[in-house]
Amino acid sequence: MVNKVWLYVLRKCAEQVELLVFDHIDVQAGTQIPAGTVEPNEDIEIAAHRELFEEAGIRVETLTPLGTIERNGYGQDVRAHLFAAMALANAADEWVHQVSGKGEDEGMAFRFFWLPRAQWQNVWGDFKLGCPALESLISNSLNHQI
């Protein structure tokens, strides 16, 4: 079983909630959320913070666990640990980031932007599986903070 982290980073903009997503600059791979593989013996939450920084170049203060999803993807069993976070107030509207770290995406360039709530189901593949938990979290607890 391979452990992954999926990060649903949110911000409030003009009375709506937006989700941080990215497109690859040089490859057609669908609109994705920051995500990555947990290293052996690495704490899941530390992995989530690390992956967010390596893929997007940003940090968040707090991660809220949304649960796990187990899937078979590309011939391997995957346990995805889902987290939500609020973006820091100074997050840009759009940026390009070159992936750091030592994973398969190292050196690739990603264009980050914010996806309006009504379009969250447009994220690529299994990443949309976290949207119901994210919607529930927003409805139940984040409305006071957003």
Protein backbone atom coordinates (compact mmCIF):
# COMPACT_ATOMS: atom_id res chain seq x y z
CA MET A 1 0.00 0.00 0.00
CA VAL A 2 1.41 3.39 -1.05
CA ASN A 3 0.47 6.35 1.17
CA LYS A 4 -0.34 9.64 -0.58
CA VAL A 5 -1.47 13.06 0.59
CA TRP A 6 -4.04 15.16 -1.24
CA LEU A 7 -4.32 18.85 -0.35
CA TYR A 8 -7.49 20.87 -0.79
CA VAL A 9 -6.32 24.44 -0.18
CA LEU A 10 -9.12 27.01 0.00
CA ARG A 11 -9.50 30.75 -0.02
CA LYS A 12 -12.43 33.13 0.18
CA CYS A 13 -12.62 35.62 -2.65
CA ALA A 14 -15.53 37.95 -3.34
CA GLU A 15 -17.93 35.98 -1.14
CA GLN A 16 -17.14 32.64 -2.77
CA VAL A 17 -14.85 29.78 -1.80
CA GLU A 18 -12.15 28.79 -4.29
CA LEU A 19 -9.91 25.73 -4.50
CA LEU A 20 -6.20 25.82 -5.35
CA VAL A 21 -5.51 23.78 -8.49
CA PHE A 22 -2.83 23.56 -11.15
CA ASP A 23 -2.22 22.58 -14.75
CA HIS A 24 1.09 21.25 -16.04
CA ILE A 25 2.86 23.76 -18.29
CA ASP A 26 4.33 21.27 -20.78
CA VAL A 27 2.00 18.26 -20.51
CA GLN A 28 -1.73 17.68 -20.77
CA ALA A 29 -2.51 15.98 -17.45
CA GLY A 30 -5.78 17.54 -16.35
CA THR A 31 -6.42 20.12 -13.64
CA GLN A 32 -5.09 18.75 -10.35
CA ILE A 33 -4.71 19.58 -6.67
CA PRO A 34 -1.37 19.48 -4.85
CA ALA A 35 -0.64 15.87 -3.87
CA GLY A 36 2.23 13.49 -3.46
CA THR A 37 3.75 10.39 -1.95
CA VAL A 38 4.52 9.98 1.74
CA GLU A 39 8.14 8.96 2.25
CA PRO A 40 8.94 5.81 4.30
CA ASN A 41 8.54 6.49 8.06
CA GLU A 42 7.36 10.07 7.37
CA ASP A 43 4.53 11.52 9.46
CA ILE A 44 1.44 12.01 7.27
CA GLU A 45 0.88 15.65 8.27
CA ILE A 46 4.55 16.52 7.79
CA ALA A 47 4.35 14.90 4.34
CA ALA A 48 1.33 17.04 3.50
CA HIS A 49 3.14 20.26 4.44
CA ARG A 50 6.25 19.13 2.53
CA GLU A 51 4.32 18.20 -0.62
CA LEU A 52 2.43 21.49 -0.63
CA PHE A 53 5.67 23.44 -0.43
CA GLU A 54 7.47 21.29 -3.03
CA GLU A 55 4.60 21.37 -5.54
CA ALA A 56 3.14 24.84 -5.01
CA GLY A 57 5.82 26.81 -3.18
CA ILE A 58 3.39 27.82 -0.43
CA ARG A 59 2.83 27.03 3.23
CA VAL A 60 -0.33 26.90 5.33
CA GLU A 61 -0.70 27.21 9.08
CA THR A 62 -3.13 24.38 9.79
CA LEU A 63 -4.27 21.21 8.05
CA THR A 64 -7.69 19.70 8.70
CA PRO A 65 -7.93 15.94 8.05
CA LEU A 66 -10.80 14.99 5.72
CA GLY A 67 -10.33 11.22 5.93
CA THR A 68 -8.76 8.63 3.67
CA ILE A 69 -9.64 7.01 0.36
CA GLU A 70 -8.23 3.67 -0.73
CA ARG A 71 -8.01 3.01 -4.45
CA ASN A 72 -6.12 0.96 -6.96
CA GLY A 73 -4.48 3.41 -9.32
CA TYR A 74 -2.12 2.57 -12.15
CA GLY A 75 -1.59 -0.95 -10.83
CA GLN A 76 -0.81 -0.04 -7.22
CA ASP A 77 -2.91 0.11 -4.07
CA VAL A 78 -3.05 3.69 -2.80
CA ARG A 79 -4.25 5.12 0.50
CA ALA A 80 -4.83 8.84 0.04
CA HIS A 81 -4.88 10.97 3.19
CA LEU A 82 -7.01 14.03 2.44
CA PHE A 83 -6.42 17.41 4.07
CA ALA A 84 -8.09 20.80 3.82
CA ALA A 85 -6.34 24.09 4.57
CA MET A 86 -6.98 27.79 4.29
CA ALA A 87 -4.53 29.72 2.14
CA LEU A 88 -2.61 32.51 3.79
CA ALA A 89 -3.99 35.96 3.06
CA ASN A 90 -1.07 36.90 0.79
CA ALA A 91 -1.58 34.01 -1.68
CA ALA A 92 -1.36 35.24 -5.28
CA ASP A 93 -4.23 34.84 -7.74
CA GLU A 94 -2.05 32.84 -10.12
CA TRP A 95 1.59 31.73 -10.30
CA VAL A 96 3.96 29.29 -11.95
CA HIS A 97 6.09 27.07 -9.72
CA GLN A 98 8.87 24.64 -10.59
CA VAL A 99 8.50 21.50 -8.48
CA SER A 100 11.28 20.80 -6.00
CA GLY A 101 12.02 17.65 -4.03
CA LYS A 102 13.01 14.28 -5.39
CA GLY A 103 9.76 12.86 -6.78
CA GLU A 104 8.71 12.09 -10.33
CA ASP A 105 7.48 15.69 -10.81
CA GLU A 106 10.82 17.25 -9.84
CA GLY A 107 11.68 20.12 -12.16
CA MET A 108 8.26 20.27 -13.84
CA ALA A 109 6.52 23.63 -14.05
CA PHE A 110 2.94 23.95 -12.79
CA ARG A 111 0.58 26.91 -13.29
CA PHE A 112 -1.46 27.42 -10.11
CA PHE A 113 -4.80 29.21 -9.97
CA TRP A 114 -8.03 29.25 -7.96
CA LEU A 115 -11.06 27.27 -9.13
CA PRO A 116 -14.52 28.57 -8.15
CA ARG A 117 -16.64 26.21 -6.03
CA ALA A 118 -19.12 25.57 -8.85
CA GLN A 119 -16.29 24.06 -10.92
CA TRP A 120 -14.66 21.76 -8.34
CA GLN A 121 -15.95 18.65 -10.11
CA ASN A 122 -13.68 19.60 -13.03
CA VAL A 123 -10.56 18.46 -11.17
CA TRP A 124 -8.87 15.48 -12.74
CA GLY A 125 -9.59 11.85 -11.88
CA ASP A 126 -9.81 10.61 -8.33
CA PHE A 127 -8.99 14.03 -6.88
CA LYS A 128 -12.69 14.92 -7.17
CA LEU A 129 -13.47 12.10 -4.69
CA GLY A 130 -12.53 14.43 -1.85
CA CYS A 131 -15.03 17.11 -2.88
CA PRO A 132 -17.98 15.70 -0.84
CA ALA A 133 -15.88 15.69 2.36
CA LEU A 134 -14.66 19.19 1.52
CA GLU A 135 -18.21 20.44 0.93
CA SER A 136 -19.31 18.91 4.25
CA LEU A 137 -16.44 20.57 6.08
CA ILE A 138 -17.27 23.94 4.57
CA SER A 139 -20.96 23.59 5.38
CA ASN A 140 -20.37 22.42 8.96
CA SER A 141 -17.42 24.40 10.21
CA LEU A 142 -15.62 26.73 7.84
CA ASN A 143 -18.52 29.10 7.19
CA HIS A 144 -17.55 30.94 10.38
CA GLN A 145 -13.95 31.33 9.20
CA ILE A 146 -14.43 31.94 5.48
